Protein backbone atom coordinates (compact mmCIF):
# COMPACT_ATOMS: atom_id res chain seq x y z
CA UNK A 1 11.43 22.49 44.84
CA UNK A 2 11.90 24.45 41.64
CA UNK A 3 14.94 22.39 40.67
CA UNK A 4 13.03 19.11 41.06
CA UNK A 5 10.14 20.53 39.09
CA UNK A 6 12.50 21.59 36.27
CA UNK A 7 14.13 18.16 36.14
CA UNK A 8 10.74 16.46 36.03
CA UNK A 9 9.58 18.82 33.30
CA UNK A 10 12.72 18.15 31.23
CA UNK A 11 12.28 14.38 31.62
CA UNK A 12 8.66 14.63 30.51
CA UNK A 13 9.64 16.81 27.57
CA UNK A 14 12.36 14.34 26.53
CA UNK A 15 9.85 11.48 26.76
CA UNK A 16 7.34 13.28 24.55
CA UNK A 17 10.01 14.14 22.00
CA UNK A 18 11.07 10.51 21.88
CA UNK A 19 7.46 9.38 21.44
CA UNK A 20 6.97 11.98 18.71
CA UNK A 21 9.99 10.63 16.82
CA UNK A 22 8.71 7.08 17.15
CA UNK A 23 5.29 8.10 15.83
CA UNK A 24 6.88 9.96 12.94
CA UNK A 25 8.91 6.89 11.96
CA UNK A 26 5.81 4.69 12.19
CA UNK A 27 3.85 7.15 10.05
CA UNK A 28 6.58 7.13 7.38
CA UNK A 29 6.68 3.33 7.34
CA UNK A 30 2.92 3.18 7.11
CA UNK A 31 2.91 5.65 4.23
CA UNK A 32 5.57 3.64 2.39
CA UNK A 33 3.57 0.43 2.82
CA UNK A 34 0.44 2.16 1.58
CA UNK A 35 2.28 3.54 -1.45
CA UNK A 36 3.66 0.06 -2.25
CA UNK A 37 0.15 -1.37 -2.01
CA UNK A 38 -1.19 1.33 -4.37
CA UNK A 39 1.63 0.63 -6.81
CA UNK A 40 0.92 -3.10 -6.64
CA UNK A 41 -2.78 -2.54 -7.32
CA UNK A 42 -1.98 -0.17 -10.17
CA UNK A 43 0.32 -2.77 -11.73
CA UNK A 44 -2.35 -5.47 -11.37
CA UNK A 45 -4.91 -3.18 -13.00
CA UNK A 46 -2.50 -2.48 -15.87
CA UNK A 47 -1.95 -6.21 -16.36
CA UNK A 48 -5.69 -6.86 -16.44
CA UNK A 49 -6.18 -4.14 -19.04
CA UNK A 50 -3.37 -5.62 -21.16
CA UNK A 51 -4.95 -9.07 -20.88
CA UNK A 52 -8.28 -7.68 -22.08
CA UNK A 53 -6.72 -5.83 -24.98
CA UNK A 54 -4.16 -8.48 -26.00
CA UNK A 55 -5.03 -11.90 -24.60
CA UNK A 56 -2.77 -13.60 -27.12
CA UNK A 57 0.26 -12.15 -25.34
CA UNK A 58 -0.39 -14.20 -22.24
CA UNK A 59 0.41 -17.89 -22.27
CA UNK A 60 -2.10 -18.88 -19.62
CA UNK A 61 -5.10 -18.00 -21.77
CA UNK A 62 -5.47 -18.67 -25.46
CA UNK A 63 -7.56 -16.21 -27.52
CA UNK A 64 -10.27 -18.87 -27.86
CA UNK A 65 -10.42 -19.46 -24.09
CA UNK A 66 -10.46 -15.70 -23.52
CA UNK A 67 -13.45 -15.32 -25.84
CA UNK A 68 -15.26 -18.17 -24.12
CA UNK A 69 -14.68 -16.57 -20.73
CA UNK A 70 -16.03 -13.27 -22.03
CA UNK A 71 -19.19 -14.98 -23.25
CA UNK A 72 -19.64 -16.63 -19.84
CA UNK A 73 -19.29 -13.26 -18.13
CA UNK A 74 -21.81 -11.62 -20.46
CA UNK A 75 -24.28 -14.43 -19.83
CA UNK A 76 -24.29 -13.87 -16.07
């Protein structure tokens, strides 16, 4: 009986170790995704700040259009 109990215990222990490794890998992947998302948001924030400071650098908005948009935002 003791031998069967030991084998069962070792199988359970191996299963939990395997599950722990899987969870650790998933946690690392999740952390990497979160870090990428933070970096992406930080880059977007930096771009927005640059657009506010130097709208003439960006082709999509002329300085005149930028000023008009600012006036619209202030009016709301």
